[in-house]
């Protein structure tokens, strides 16, 4: 990609309208100072002392955060929240990023999906301990599903792109239910030029007429192999046959493979120096790729943009990071100069 193309993509980002629909999680970090540990009088067990808390949007929320940081001005968040404190925090965090949360449905019948992440240590040397997850284990109520379908079908076609984040693995317990997937297929069929990009942890093989962005292991599971990176060209072609739309397959430090029905292309990752944290890298890649596609970039340049954005965020340790236009341009210049 030439620098001028990158600058045009970043400039056009401010004019885009992108919907993010799917499972919005709250990443709730609890920072434990081991030097302040106490002993419970009642149980005799350790009472870990939390001295700092940080809450950030995760999953679909992290994609929305990345889009906002990249400069997208109009972001429509569509998802489900519980009527609880975590839902309030998540909505406030999204609002602070300028995300439109008027289509975030709040219900007493749901809990807000939350990753509670205890971090033990101090002075920037924290280690993440075993995580506590809050999510819904019952099917999404039909009334809420109907509201989601109405928003998708009526507001989706008016967007430049739709990003779908199917994070919940339990069937029909999250936002992206069987009926929502069917609606996305119909939307893709009726509006072939509308960019619909899907990231799904477990159900990537159940989507059609939309762009899919699996990682090598998600793709491998569909194809019955450990990792699709062993034969990437054949993998993306096989996935294309299932969806009928372009495939972007991420392969970690090996970059991405892209297939648009014509040719399979390998887009290498950008190498970075120092320690890295890959949590949220897939969300960053999704945001960068979709912004580029919505701005009119080629599939190859869009994959490069995704790699470029994620190469910035993986250097942001202990958090699901995001990259500003300035960050992206600086990383591009480093890459172009060979560091």
C-alpha atoms as a PDB file:
ATOM      1  CA  UNK A   1       0.000   0.000   0.000  1.00  0.00           C
ATOM      2  CA  UNK A   2       1.212   3.500  -0.856  1.00  0.00           C
ATOM      3  CA  UNK A   3       1.132   6.135   1.856  1.00  0.00           C
ATOM      4  CA  UNK A   4      -1.265   8.260  -0.177  1.00  0.00           C
ATOM      5  CA  UNK A   5      -3.792   5.400  -0.237  1.00  0.00           C
ATOM      6  CA  UNK A   6      -3.491   5.045   3.534  1.00  0.00           C
ATOM      7  CA  UNK A   7      -4.019   8.782   4.028  1.00  0.00           C
ATOM      8  CA  UNK A   8      -7.150   8.682   1.847  1.00  0.00           C
ATOM      9  CA  UNK A   9      -8.571   5.780   3.848  1.00  0.00           C
ATOM     10  CA  UNK A  10      -8.003   7.601   7.137  1.00  0.00           C
ATOM     11  CA  UNK A  11      -9.479  10.809   5.715  1.00  0.00           C
ATOM     12  CA  UNK A  12     -12.609   9.029   4.486  1.00  0.00           C
ATOM     13  CA  UNK A  13     -13.068   7.249   7.827  1.00  0.00           C
ATOM     14  CA  UNK A  14     -14.578  10.427   9.272  1.00  0.00           C
ATOM     15  CA  UNK A  15     -17.404  10.280   6.711  1.00  0.00           C
ATOM     16  CA  UNK A  16     -18.341   6.635   7.264  1.00  0.00           C
ATOM     17  CA  UNK A  17     -21.400   5.242   9.010  1.00  0.00           C
ATOM     18  CA  UNK A  18     -20.736   1.778  10.425  1.00  0.00           C
ATOM     19  CA  UNK A  19     -23.019  -0.496  12.410  1.00  0.00           C
ATOM     20  CA  UNK A  20     -21.509  -2.875  14.956  1.00  0.00           C
ATOM     21  CA  UNK A  21     -23.971  -5.610  15.888  1.00  0.00           C
ATOM     22  CA  UNK A  22     -23.235  -8.490  18.195  1.00  0.00           C
ATOM     23  CA  UNK A  23     -22.092  -9.428  21.652  1.00  0.00           C
ATOM     24  CA  UNK A  24     -20.878  -6.405  23.625  1.00  0.00           C
ATOM     25  CA  UNK A  25     -18.840  -7.432  26.661  1.00  0.00           C
ATOM     26  CA  UNK A  26     -17.363  -5.354  29.452  1.00  0.00           C
ATOM     27  CA  UNK A  27     -13.694  -6.014  30.223  1.00  0.00           C
ATOM     28  CA  UNK A  28     -13.571  -5.367  33.983  1.00  0.00           C
ATOM     29  CA  UNK A  29      -9.998  -5.286  35.311  1.00  0.00           C
ATOM     30  CA  UNK A  30      -9.350  -5.605  39.060  1.00  0.00           C
ATOM     31  CA  UNK A  31      -5.805  -4.625  40.010  1.00  0.00           C
ATOM     32  CA  UNK A  32      -4.611  -6.485  43.118  1.00  0.00           C
ATOM     33  CA  UNK A  33      -1.689  -5.208  45.186  1.00  0.00           C
ATOM     34  CA  UNK A  34      -0.072  -8.343  46.730  1.00  0.00           C
ATOM     35  CA  UNK A  35       1.684  -6.266  49.398  1.00  0.00           C
ATOM     36  CA  UNK A  36      -1.708  -5.352  50.899  1.00  0.00           C
ATOM     37  CA  UNK A  37      -3.092  -8.883  51.151  1.00  0.00           C
ATOM     38  CA  UNK A  38      -5.129  -9.570  54.296  1.00  0.00           C
ATOM     39  CA  UNK A  39      -6.399 -12.743  55.954  1.00  0.00           C
ATOM     40  CA  UNK A  40     -10.149 -13.248  56.376  1.00  0.00           C
ATOM     41  CA  UNK A  41     -11.086 -13.610  60.043  1.00  0.00           C
ATOM     42  CA  UNK A  42     -14.136 -15.710  59.139  1.00  0.00           C
ATOM     43  CA  UNK A  43     -12.555 -18.189  56.716  1.00  0.00           C
ATOM     44  CA  UNK A  44      -8.818 -17.849  57.183  1.00  0.00           C
ATOM     45  CA  UNK A  45      -8.442 -17.474  53.431  1.00  0.00           C
ATOM     46  CA  UNK A  46      -6.555 -14.706  51.650  1.00  0.00           C
ATOM     47  CA  UNK A  47      -8.475 -11.472  51.091  1.00  0.00           C
ATOM     48  CA  UNK A  48      -6.946  -9.928  47.971  1.00  0.00           C
ATOM     49  CA  UNK A  49      -7.036  -6.141  48.009  1.00  0.00           C
ATOM     50  CA  UNK A  50      -8.150  -4.384  44.842  1.00  0.00           C
ATOM     51  CA  UNK A  51      -6.564  -0.946  44.694  1.00  0.00           C
ATOM     52  CA  UNK A  52      -7.578   0.061  41.183  1.00  0.00           C
ATOM     53  CA  UNK A  53     -10.339  -0.797  38.694  1.00  0.00           C
ATOM     54  CA  UNK A  54     -10.468  -0.287  34.940  1.00  0.00           C
ATOM     55  CA  UNK A  55     -13.480  -1.023  32.739  1.00  0.00           C
ATOM     56  CA  UNK A  56     -13.329  -1.008  28.943  1.00  0.00           C
ATOM     57  CA  UNK A  57     -15.628  -2.249  26.157  1.00  0.00           C
ATOM     58  CA  UNK A  58     -14.768  -5.768  24.980  1.00  0.00           C
ATOM     59  CA  UNK A  59     -15.711  -8.052  22.055  1.00  0.00           C
ATOM     60  CA  UNK A  60     -18.102  -5.991  19.867  1.00  0.00           C
ATOM     61  CA  UNK A  61     -17.385  -3.070  22.183  1.00  0.00           C
ATOM     62  CA  UNK A  62     -13.695  -3.313  21.387  1.00  0.00           C
ATOM     63  CA  UNK A  63     -14.444  -3.223  17.650  1.00  0.00           C
ATOM     64  CA  UNK A  64     -16.556  -0.099  18.191  1.00  0.00           C
ATOM     65  CA  UNK A  65     -13.774   1.443  20.271  1.00  0.00           C
ATOM     66  CA  UNK A  66     -11.229   0.701  17.530  1.00  0.00           C
ATOM     67  CA  UNK A  67     -13.476   2.230  14.861  1.00  0.00           C
ATOM     68  CA  UNK A  68     -13.918   5.351  16.966  1.00  0.00           C
ATOM     69  CA  UNK A  69     -10.191   5.700  17.625  1.00  0.00           C
ATOM     70  CA  UNK A  70      -9.507   5.310  13.892  1.00  0.00           C
ATOM     71  CA  UNK A  71     -11.719   8.357  13.327  1.00  0.00           C
ATOM     72  CA  UNK A  72     -15.082   6.912  12.283  1.00  0.00           C
ATOM     73  CA  UNK A  73     -17.591   9.535  13.366  1.00  0.00           C
ATOM     74  CA  UNK A  74     -20.886   7.628  13.118  1.00  0.00           C
ATOM     75  CA  UNK A  75     -20.898   4.229  14.831  1.00  0.00           C
ATOM     76  CA  UNK A  76     -24.186   2.482  15.599  1.00  0.00           C
ATOM     77  CA  UNK A  77     -23.934  -0.076  18.406  1.00  0.00           C
ATOM     78  CA  UNK A  78     -26.608  -2.788  18.310  1.00  0.00           C
ATOM     79  CA  UNK A  79     -26.656  -5.316  21.131  1.00  0.00           C
ATOM     80  CA  UNK A  80     -28.102  -6.459  24.439  1.00  0.00           C
ATOM     81  CA  UNK A  81     -27.314  -5.279  27.971  1.00  0.00           C
ATOM     82  CA  UNK A  82     -28.586  -6.332  31.343  1.00  0.00           C
ATOM     83  CA  UNK A  83     -30.227  -3.820  33.635  1.00  0.00           C
ATOM     84  CA  UNK A  84     -27.205  -3.907  35.917  1.00  0.00           C
ATOM     85  CA  UNK A  85     -24.118  -1.950  36.915  1.00  0.00           C
ATOM     86  CA  UNK A  86     -21.906  -3.606  34.331  1.00  0.00           C
ATOM     87  CA  UNK A  87     -24.372  -2.632  31.593  1.00  0.00           C
ATOM     88  CA  UNK A  88     -24.334   0.963  32.830  1.00  0.00           C
ATOM     89  CA  UNK A  89     -20.521   1.022  32.762  1.00  0.00           C
ATOM     90  CA  UNK A  90     -20.387  -0.480  29.294  1.00  0.00           C
ATOM     91  CA  UNK A  91     -22.904   1.968  27.866  1.00  0.00           C
ATOM     92  CA  UNK A  92     -21.129   4.927  29.468  1.00  0.00           C
ATOM     93  CA  UNK A  93     -17.782   3.753  28.074  1.00  0.00           C
ATOM     94  CA  UNK A  94     -19.229   3.516  24.575  1.00  0.00           C
ATOM     95  CA  UNK A  95     -20.890   6.932  24.896  1.00  0.00           C
ATOM     96  CA  UNK A  96     -17.537   8.407  25.944  1.00  0.00           C
ATOM     97  CA  UNK A  97     -16.106   7.160  22.635  1.00  0.00           C
ATOM     98  CA  UNK A  98     -18.874   8.904  20.693  1.00  0.00           C
ATOM     99  CA  UNK A  99     -20.650   5.645  19.850  1.00  0.00           C
ATOM    100  CA  UNK A 100     -24.414   5.841  19.262  1.00  0.00           C
ATOM    101  CA  UNK A 101     -25.936   3.509  21.893  1.00  0.00           C
ATOM    102  CA  UNK A 102     -29.621   4.253  21.258  1.00  0.00           C
ATOM    103  CA  UNK A 103     -29.981   0.760  19.755  1.00  0.00           C
ATOM    104  CA  UNK A 104     -28.408  -1.029  22.725  1.00  0.00           C
ATOM    105  CA  UNK A 105     -31.382  -2.864  24.227  1.00  0.00           C
ATOM    106  CA  UNK A 106     -31.501  -3.070  28.027  1.00  0.00           C
ATOM    107  CA  UNK A 107     -33.463  -5.912  29.602  1.00  0.00           C
ATOM    108  CA  UNK A 108     -34.061  -7.447  33.021  1.00  0.00           C
ATOM    109  CA  UNK A 109     -34.120 -10.810  31.217  1.00  0.00           C
ATOM    110  CA  UNK A 110     -30.403 -10.566  30.373  1.00  0.00           C
ATOM    111  CA  UNK A 111     -27.175  -9.973  32.257  1.00  0.00           C
ATOM    112  CA  UNK A 112     -24.443  -7.834  30.751  1.00  0.00           C
ATOM    113  CA  UNK A 113     -21.707 -10.146  29.392  1.00  0.00           C
ATOM    114  CA  UNK A 114     -18.586  -9.346  31.401  1.00  0.00           C
ATOM    115  CA  UNK A 115     -15.025 -10.610  31.565  1.00  0.00           C
ATOM    116  CA  UNK A 116     -13.754  -9.985  35.102  1.00  0.00           C
ATOM    117  CA  UNK A 117      -9.960  -9.972  34.919  1.00  0.00           C
ATOM    118  CA  UNK A 118      -8.003  -9.988  38.203  1.00  0.00           C
ATOM    119  CA  UNK A 119      -4.530  -8.509  37.662  1.00  0.00           C
ATOM    120  CA  UNK A 120      -1.965  -9.250  40.405  1.00  0.00           C
ATOM    121  CA  UNK A 121       1.170  -7.154  40.782  1.00  0.00           C
ATOM    122  CA  UNK A 122       2.159  -3.505  40.822  1.00  0.00           C
ATOM    123  CA  UNK A 123       4.140  -0.819  39.013  1.00  0.00           C
ATOM    124  CA  UNK A 124       3.193  -2.087  35.557  1.00  0.00           C
ATOM    125  CA  UNK A 125       4.235  -5.674  36.284  1.00  0.00           C
ATOM    126  CA  UNK A 126       0.739  -7.109  36.643  1.00  0.00           C
ATOM    127  CA  UNK A 127      -0.045 -10.709  35.731  1.00  0.00           C
ATOM    128  CA  UNK A 128      -3.571 -11.720  34.720  1.00  0.00           C
ATOM    129  CA  UNK A 129      -5.024 -14.384  37.016  1.00  0.00           C
ATOM    130  CA  UNK A 130      -7.871 -16.802  36.274  1.00  0.00           C
ATOM    131  CA  UNK A 131     -10.746 -14.898  34.680  1.00  0.00           C
ATOM    132  CA  UNK A 132     -14.371 -14.799  35.868  1.00  0.00           C
ATOM    133  CA  UNK A 133     -16.964 -14.697  33.072  1.00  0.00           C
ATOM    134  CA  UNK A 134     -20.545 -13.460  33.251  1.00  0.00           C
ATOM    135  CA  UNK A 135     -22.747 -14.368  30.303  1.00  0.00           C
ATOM    136  CA  UNK A 136     -26.240 -15.607  29.474  1.00  0.00           C
ATOM    137  CA  UNK A 137     -26.891 -19.351  29.465  1.00  0.00           C
ATOM    138  CA  UNK A 138     -30.504 -19.219  28.269  1.00  0.00           C
ATOM    139  CA  UNK A 139     -31.801 -18.462  24.754  1.00  0.00           C
ATOM    140  CA  UNK A 140     -32.306 -14.822  23.840  1.00  0.00           C
ATOM    141  CA  UNK A 141     -36.009 -13.984  24.391  1.00  0.00           C
ATOM    142  CA  UNK A 142     -38.042 -13.827  21.178  1.00  0.00           C
ATOM    143  CA  UNK A 143     -39.207 -10.259  21.896  1.00  0.00           C
ATOM    144  CA  UNK A 144     -35.622  -8.983  22.138  1.00  0.00           C
ATOM    145  CA  UNK A 145     -34.602 -10.944  19.047  1.00  0.00           C
ATOM    146  CA  UNK A 146     -37.465  -9.360  17.094  1.00  0.00           C
ATOM    147  CA  UNK A 147     -36.264  -5.887  18.114  1.00  0.00           C
ATOM    148  CA  UNK A 148     -32.727  -6.709  16.988  1.00  0.00           C
ATOM    149  CA  UNK A 149     -34.006  -7.981  13.628  1.00  0.00           C
ATOM    150  CA  UNK A 150     -36.042  -4.815  13.132  1.00  0.00           C
ATOM    151  CA  UNK A 151     -33.009  -2.592  13.793  1.00  0.00           C
ATOM    152  CA  UNK A 152     -30.796  -4.652  11.494  1.00  0.00           C
ATOM    153  CA  UNK A 153     -33.258  -4.771   8.617  1.00  0.00           C
ATOM    154  CA  UNK A 154     -34.278  -1.096   8.809  1.00  0.00           C
ATOM    155  CA  UNK A 155     -30.991   0.620   9.678  1.00  0.00           C
ATOM    156  CA  UNK A 156     -28.421  -1.759   8.221  1.00  0.00           C
ATOM    157  CA  UNK A 157     -28.932  -0.882   4.527  1.00  0.00           C
ATOM    158  CA  UNK A 158     -28.322   2.811   5.309  1.00  0.00           C
ATOM    159  CA  UNK A 159     -24.816   2.137   6.622  1.00  0.00           C
ATOM    160  CA  UNK A 160     -21.543   2.001   4.717  1.00  0.00           C
ATOM    161  CA  UNK A 161     -20.649  -1.227   6.498  1.00  0.00           C
ATOM    162  CA  UNK A 162     -21.865  -3.663   9.141  1.00  0.00           C
ATOM    163  CA  UNK A 163     -19.485  -5.458  11.479  1.00  0.00           C
ATOM    164  CA  UNK A 164     -20.888  -8.571  13.132  1.00  0.00           C
ATOM    165  CA  UNK A 165     -19.224  -9.876  16.299  1.00  0.00           C
ATOM    166  CA  UNK A 166     -20.513 -13.343  17.243  1.00  0.00           C
ATOM    167  CA  UNK A 167     -18.653 -13.852  20.529  1.00  0.00           C
ATOM    168  CA  UNK A 168     -21.048 -16.051  22.511  1.00  0.00           C
ATOM    169  CA  UNK A 169     -20.424 -19.728  21.750  1.00  0.00           C
ATOM    170  CA  UNK A 170     -23.651 -21.124  23.240  1.00  0.00           C
ATOM    171  CA  UNK A 171     -26.240 -21.465  20.461  1.00  0.00           C
ATOM    172  CA  UNK A 172     -28.869 -18.676  20.370  1.00  0.00           C
ATOM    173  CA  UNK A 173     -27.834 -17.293  23.777  1.00  0.00           C
ATOM    174  CA  UNK A 174     -26.269 -14.123  22.422  1.00  0.00           C
ATOM    175  CA  UNK A 175     -27.202 -11.413  19.928  1.00  0.00           C
ATOM    176  CA  UNK A 176     -26.298 -13.382  16.783  1.00  0.00           C
ATOM    177  CA  UNK A 177     -28.971 -16.069  16.860  1.00  0.00           C
ATOM    178  CA  UNK A 178     -29.980 -18.407  14.038  1.00  0.00           C
ATOM    179  CA  UNK A 179     -32.635 -15.912  12.944  1.00  0.00           C
ATOM    180  CA  UNK A 180     -30.185 -12.998  13.017  1.00  0.00           C
ATOM    181  CA  UNK A 181     -27.773 -15.002  10.841  1.00  0.00           C
ATOM    182  CA  UNK A 182     -30.618 -15.666   8.403  1.00  0.00           C
ATOM    183  CA  UNK A 183     -31.415 -11.936   8.307  1.00  0.00           C
ATOM    184  CA  UNK A 184     -27.756 -11.148   7.590  1.00  0.00           C
ATOM    185  CA  UNK A 185     -27.788 -13.629   4.701  1.00  0.00           C
ATOM    186  CA  UNK A 186     -30.895 -11.993   3.261  1.00  0.00           C
ATOM    187  CA  UNK A 187     -29.398  -8.534   3.735  1.00  0.00           C
ATOM    188  CA  UNK A 188     -26.249  -9.619   1.914  1.00  0.00           C
ATOM    189  CA  UNK A 189     -28.299 -11.070  -0.925  1.00  0.00           C
ATOM    190  CA  UNK A 190     -30.553  -8.007  -1.297  1.00  0.00           C
ATOM    191  CA  UNK A 191     -27.688  -5.482  -0.952  1.00  0.00           C
ATOM    192  CA  UNK A 192     -24.648  -7.107  -2.588  1.00  0.00           C
ATOM    193  CA  UNK A 193     -22.589  -3.905  -2.387  1.00  0.00           C
ATOM    194  CA  UNK A 194     -23.163  -3.474   1.349  1.00  0.00           C
ATOM    195  CA  UNK A 195     -20.056  -4.493   3.290  1.00  0.00           C
ATOM    196  CA  UNK A 196     -21.047  -7.034   5.948  1.00  0.00           C
ATOM    197  CA  UNK A 197     -18.064  -8.493   7.784  1.00  0.00           C
ATOM    198  CA  UNK A 198     -18.468 -11.309  10.303  1.00  0.00           C
ATOM    199  CA  UNK A 199     -16.166 -12.459  13.078  1.00  0.00           C
ATOM    200  CA  UNK A 200     -17.485 -15.575  14.842  1.00  0.00           C
ATOM    201  CA  UNK A 201     -15.788 -17.717  17.463  1.00  0.00           C
ATOM    202  CA  UNK A 202     -17.756 -20.904  16.845  1.00  0.00           C
ATOM    203  CA  UNK A 203     -20.346 -20.442  14.096  1.00  0.00           C
ATOM    204  CA  UNK A 204     -18.366 -19.048  11.142  1.00  0.00           C
ATOM    205  CA  UNK A 205     -19.556 -21.923   8.927  1.00  0.00           C
ATOM    206  CA  UNK A 206     -23.199 -20.904   9.464  1.00  0.00           C
ATOM    207  CA  UNK A 207     -22.921 -17.574   7.628  1.00  0.00           C
ATOM    208  CA  UNK A 208     -23.580 -16.954   3.935  1.00  0.00           C
ATOM    209  CA  UNK A 209     -23.560 -13.977   1.555  1.00  0.00           C
ATOM    210  CA  UNK A 210     -21.289 -12.031   3.920  1.00  0.00           C
ATOM    211  CA  UNK A 211     -17.547 -11.476   4.263  1.00  0.00           C
ATOM    212  CA  UNK A 212     -16.069 -13.719   6.940  1.00  0.00           C
ATOM    213  CA  UNK A 213     -12.894 -13.119   8.942  1.00  0.00           C
ATOM    214  CA  UNK A 214     -11.910 -16.291  10.781  1.00  0.00           C
ATOM    215  CA  UNK A 215      -8.528 -16.912  12.319  1.00  0.00           C
ATOM    216  CA  UNK A 216      -6.552 -19.968  11.222  1.00  0.00           C
ATOM    217  CA  UNK A 217      -7.977 -22.150  14.020  1.00  0.00           C
ATOM    218  CA  UNK A 218     -11.613 -21.125  13.512  1.00  0.00           C
ATOM    219  CA  UNK A 219     -11.190 -21.848   9.800  1.00  0.00           C
ATOM    220  CA  UNK A 220      -9.415 -25.114  10.575  1.00  0.00           C
ATOM    221  CA  UNK A 221     -12.308 -26.301  12.709  1.00  0.00           C
ATOM    222  CA  UNK A 222     -14.719 -25.730   9.824  1.00  0.00           C
ATOM    223  CA  UNK A 223     -12.438 -27.605   7.431  1.00  0.00           C
ATOM    224  CA  UNK A 224     -11.631 -30.430   9.822  1.00  0.00           C
ATOM    225  CA  UNK A 225      -7.951 -29.603  10.368  1.00  0.00           C
ATOM    226  CA  UNK A 226      -5.972 -28.228  13.310  1.00  0.00           C
ATOM    227  CA  UNK A 227      -4.862 -25.033  11.599  1.00  0.00           C
ATOM    228  CA  UNK A 228      -5.908 -23.777   8.179  1.00  0.00           C
ATOM    229  CA  UNK A 229      -2.544 -21.969   7.974  1.00  0.00           C
ATOM    230  CA  UNK A 230      -0.918 -25.251   6.860  1.00  0.00           C
ATOM    231  CA  UNK A 231      -2.655 -24.957   3.464  1.00  0.00           C
ATOM    232  CA  UNK A 232      -3.992 -21.395   3.525  1.00  0.00           C
ATOM    233  CA  UNK A 233      -4.713 -20.963  -0.153  1.00  0.00           C
ATOM    234  CA  UNK A 234      -6.906 -24.054  -0.287  1.00  0.00           C
ATOM    235  CA  UNK A 235      -8.565 -23.026   2.994  1.00  0.00           C
ATOM    236  CA  UNK A 236      -9.726 -19.578   1.898  1.00  0.00           C
ATOM    237  CA  UNK A 237     -10.993 -20.994  -1.397  1.00  0.00           C
ATOM    238  CA  UNK A 238     -12.982 -23.668   0.431  1.00  0.00           C
ATOM    239  CA  UNK A 239     -14.481 -21.075   2.785  1.00  0.00           C
ATOM    240  CA  UNK A 240     -15.408 -18.856  -0.161  1.00  0.00           C
ATOM    241  CA  UNK A 241     -17.382 -21.757  -1.620  1.00  0.00           C
ATOM    242  CA  UNK A 242     -19.424 -21.844   1.594  1.00  0.00           C
ATOM    243  CA  UNK A 243     -20.176 -18.109   1.781  1.00  0.00           C
ATOM    244  CA  UNK A 244     -19.980 -16.792  -1.780  1.00  0.00           C
ATOM    245  CA  UNK A 245     -18.216 -13.680  -0.496  1.00  0.00           C
ATOM    246  CA  UNK A 246     -14.567 -12.663   0.101  1.00  0.00           C
ATOM    247  CA  UNK A 247     -12.694 -14.367   2.906  1.00  0.00           C
ATOM    248  CA  UNK A 248     -10.086 -12.754   5.164  1.00  0.00           C
ATOM    249  CA  UNK A 249      -8.227 -15.368   7.225  1.00  0.00           C
ATOM    250  CA  UNK A 250      -5.847 -14.125   9.905  1.00  0.00           C
ATOM    251  CA  UNK A 251      -2.811 -16.247  10.747  1.00  0.00           C
ATOM    252  CA  UNK A 252      -1.140 -14.415  13.622  1.00  0.00           C
ATOM    253  CA  UNK A 253       2.446 -13.446  12.892  1.00  0.00           C
ATOM    254  CA  UNK A 254       2.039 -14.835   9.359  1.00  0.00           C
ATOM    255  CA  UNK A 255      -0.457 -12.110   8.452  1.00  0.00           C
ATOM    256  CA  UNK A 256      -3.628 -12.661   6.430  1.00  0.00           C
ATOM    257  CA  UNK A 257      -4.784 -14.679   3.452  1.00  0.00           C
ATOM    258  CA  UNK A 258      -7.489 -13.113   1.287  1.00  0.00           C
ATOM    259  CA  UNK A 259      -9.640 -14.691  -1.419  1.00  0.00           C
ATOM    260  CA  UNK A 260     -12.202 -12.782  -3.460  1.00  0.00           C
ATOM    261  CA  UNK A 261     -13.210 -15.516  -5.883  1.00  0.00           C
ATOM    262  CA  UNK A 262     -10.431 -14.618  -8.317  1.00  0.00           C
ATOM    263  CA  UNK A 263      -7.086 -15.091  -6.628  1.00  0.00           C
ATOM    264  CA  UNK A 264      -5.737 -15.952  -3.204  1.00  0.00           C
ATOM    265  CA  UNK A 265      -3.379 -13.319  -1.824  1.00  0.00           C
ATOM    266  CA  UNK A 266      -1.003 -13.440   1.122  1.00  0.00           C
ATOM    267  CA  UNK A 267      -0.635 -10.166   3.023  1.00  0.00           C
ATOM    268  CA  UNK A 268       2.267 -10.476   5.506  1.00  0.00           C
ATOM    269  CA  UNK A 269       2.070  -9.161   9.050  1.00  0.00           C
ATOM    270  CA  UNK A 270       4.154  -6.170  10.101  1.00  0.00           C
ATOM    271  CA  UNK A 271       6.891  -7.159  12.517  1.00  0.00           C
ATOM    272  CA  UNK A 272       7.115  -5.201  15.757  1.00  0.00           C
ATOM    273  CA  UNK A 273       9.812  -4.786  18.386  1.00  0.00           C
ATOM    274  CA  UNK A 274       9.557  -5.533  22.090  1.00  0.00           C
ATOM    275  CA  UNK A 275       6.923  -7.391  24.132  1.00  0.00           C
ATOM    276  CA  UNK A 276       3.424  -7.812  22.717  1.00  0.00           C
ATOM    277  CA  UNK A 277      -0.092  -8.530  23.977  1.00  0.00           C
ATOM    278  CA  UNK A 278      -2.335 -10.137  21.357  1.00  0.00           C
ATOM    279  CA  UNK A 279      -5.593  -9.800  23.322  1.00  0.00           C
ATOM    280  CA  UNK A 280      -8.023  -7.907  21.080  1.00  0.00           C
ATOM    281  CA  UNK A 281      -5.753  -8.072  18.004  1.00  0.00           C
ATOM    282  CA  UNK A 282      -8.505  -9.711  15.963  1.00  0.00           C
ATOM    283  CA  UNK A 283     -10.909  -6.889  16.802  1.00  0.00           C
ATOM    284  CA  UNK A 284      -8.312  -4.332  15.719  1.00  0.00           C
ATOM    285  CA  UNK A 285      -7.744  -6.180  12.453  1.00  0.00           C
ATOM    286  CA  UNK A 286     -11.515  -6.286  11.823  1.00  0.00           C
ATOM    287  CA  UNK A 287     -11.869  -2.553  12.413  1.00  0.00           C
ATOM    288  CA  UNK A 288      -8.954  -1.659  10.152  1.00  0.00           C
ATOM    289  CA  UNK A 289     -10.083  -3.987   7.383  1.00  0.00           C
ATOM    290  CA  UNK A 290     -13.690  -2.779   7.385  1.00  0.00           C
ATOM    291  CA  UNK A 291     -12.740   0.910   7.458  1.00  0.00           C
ATOM    292  CA  UNK A 292     -10.500   0.357   4.435  1.00  0.00           C
ATOM    293  CA  UNK A 293     -13.182  -1.574   2.526  1.00  0.00           C
ATOM    294  CA  UNK A 294     -15.827   1.049   3.308  1.00  0.00           C
ATOM    295  CA  UNK A 295     -13.400   3.736   2.126  1.00  0.00           C
ATOM    296  CA  UNK A 296     -13.082   1.986  -1.236  1.00  0.00           C
ATOM    297  CA  UNK A 297      -9.775   0.134  -0.785  1.00  0.00           C
ATOM    298  CA  UNK A 298      -8.927  -3.114  -2.570  1.00  0.00           C
ATOM    299  CA  UNK A 299      -9.178  -6.381  -0.640  1.00  0.00           C
ATOM    300  CA  UNK A 300      -5.389  -6.587  -0.508  1.00  0.00           C
ATOM    301  CA  UNK A 301      -5.020  -3.057   0.845  1.00  0.00           C
ATOM    302  CA  UNK A 302      -7.848  -3.688   3.319  1.00  0.00           C
ATOM    303  CA  UNK A 303      -6.021  -6.738   4.699  1.00  0.00           C
ATOM    304  CA  UNK A 304      -2.837  -4.695   4.966  1.00  0.00           C
ATOM    305  CA  UNK A 305      -4.747  -1.997   6.839  1.00  0.00           C
ATOM    306  CA  UNK A 306      -6.031  -4.639   9.248  1.00  0.00           C
ATOM    307  CA  UNK A 307      -2.490  -5.923   9.800  1.00  0.00           C
ATOM    308  CA  UNK A 308      -1.233  -2.375  10.235  1.00  0.00           C
ATOM    309  CA  UNK A 309      -3.786  -1.464  12.906  1.00  0.00           C
ATOM    310  CA  UNK A 310      -3.271  -4.690  14.848  1.00  0.00           C
ATOM    311  CA  UNK A 311       0.520  -4.195  14.739  1.00  0.00           C
ATOM    312  CA  UNK A 312      -0.074  -1.018  16.748  1.00  0.00           C
ATOM    313  CA  UNK A 313      -2.514  -2.436  19.281  1.00  0.00           C
ATOM    314  CA  UNK A 314      -0.472  -5.551  20.165  1.00  0.00           C
ATOM    315  CA  UNK A 315       2.246  -3.272  21.546  1.00  0.00           C
ATOM    316  CA  UNK A 316      -0.245  -1.823  24.068  1.00  0.00           C
ATOM    317  CA  UNK A 317       0.262  -4.199  26.991  1.00  0.00           C
ATOM    318  CA  UNK A 318      -2.366  -5.259  29.529  1.00  0.00           C
ATOM    319  CA  UNK A 319      -5.298  -3.869  27.583  1.00  0.00           C
ATOM    320  CA  UNK A 320      -7.323  -4.374  24.410  1.00  0.00           C
ATOM    321  CA  UNK A 321      -5.719  -1.467  22.589  1.00  0.00           C
ATOM    322  CA  UNK A 322      -6.773   0.876  19.807  1.00  0.00           C
ATOM    323  CA  UNK A 323      -4.876   2.843  17.160  1.00  0.00           C
ATOM    324  CA  UNK A 324      -5.369   6.489  16.191  1.00  0.00           C
ATOM    325  CA  UNK A 325      -4.746   7.747  12.641  1.00  0.00           C
ATOM    326  CA  UNK A 326      -1.449   9.213  13.864  1.00  0.00           C
ATOM    327  CA  UNK A 327      -0.451   5.865  15.371  1.00  0.00           C
ATOM    328  CA  UNK A 328      -1.236   4.141  12.085  1.00  0.00           C
ATOM    329  CA  UNK A 329       0.742   6.614   9.990  1.00  0.00           C
ATOM    330  CA  UNK A 330       3.732   6.411  12.326  1.00  0.00           C
ATOM    331  CA  UNK A 331       3.721   2.614  12.217  1.00  0.00           C
ATOM    332  CA  UNK A 332       3.451   2.719   8.424  1.00  0.00           C
ATOM    333  CA  UNK A 333       6.486   5.005   8.218  1.00  0.00           C
ATOM    334  CA  UNK A 334       8.438   2.684  10.530  1.00  0.00           C
ATOM    335  CA  UNK A 335       7.533  -0.288   8.348  1.00  0.00           C
ATOM    336  CA  UNK A 336       8.374   1.562   5.146  1.00  0.00           C
ATOM    337  CA  UNK A 337      11.769   2.581   6.475  1.00  0.00           C
ATOM    338  CA  UNK A 338      12.513  -0.962   7.630  1.00  0.00           C
ATOM    339  CA  UNK A 339      12.590   0.304  11.245  1.00  0.00           C
END
